[in-house]
């Protein structure tokens, strides 16, 4: 194995007759930030869900820190704890406060003492700028605040890899910046991340490499400047001209 945190080999996934992922190959190195771009319905979210173990795939292999991710393997759950996923629509528990949402995984999955879990959760809420909202329920939080709680909740498990599935697409435009700032800070700390995003300016700024997907296929991947300034594939050119114009 090379120094890849994540290695995907020849991944295939279908929903009935619809091929959603078709021969996907991808390597992500430690500390690398990969932005996955492409039109809606191109398989980007499904790819993240396969990595996280939320979708079964028909063929292919996924290696995480040198270990093959296999559902039947007794280490599968342990390895999956090291992969954080932040959803587009937050998925917070509505009956729990911000603090309880962040504590939940530490107490139920990691079996941590509640006092210790609370200390960690408070420090993470502080990290995402929401310490003063710890006792608020999701219904009392803005979209940007909910997403920052969701990020804190994912970070609480101590992930080695963070997956972001269009983390700003459900937000009002003026709330996008506060979420991007948190992700920007994580990149500065060296967190390995895969970010599915429609925010091209942010992808340019934060990513080390870009993956362009369309119709379940990776059509192009490379350094940020290569993809944005001189895309090789005609479909990539068309997409970028439309979305950046």
Foldseek 3Di string as FASTA:
>chain_A
DPQFQKWWAQWWAADVPATQAGGDTDTFHFLAEEEEEEDPSQNPVVVLCVQLVNDDTDDIWMAGNNHTQDPVDPCNVVQSLQEFEQEQQLPFDQVAFLLCSLLVCCCPVVVDDSVVSSVLSLVQCVLLPRNVRRGPGPVPDALLSSSSSSVSSSCSSVHQEYEYEANPPVHDPVSSVSNLVSVQVCSVVSRGYYYHHLPLVSCLVRGQKYFYGGSNYGPDIDGSCCQQVPNPDPSSVVVNVVSVD
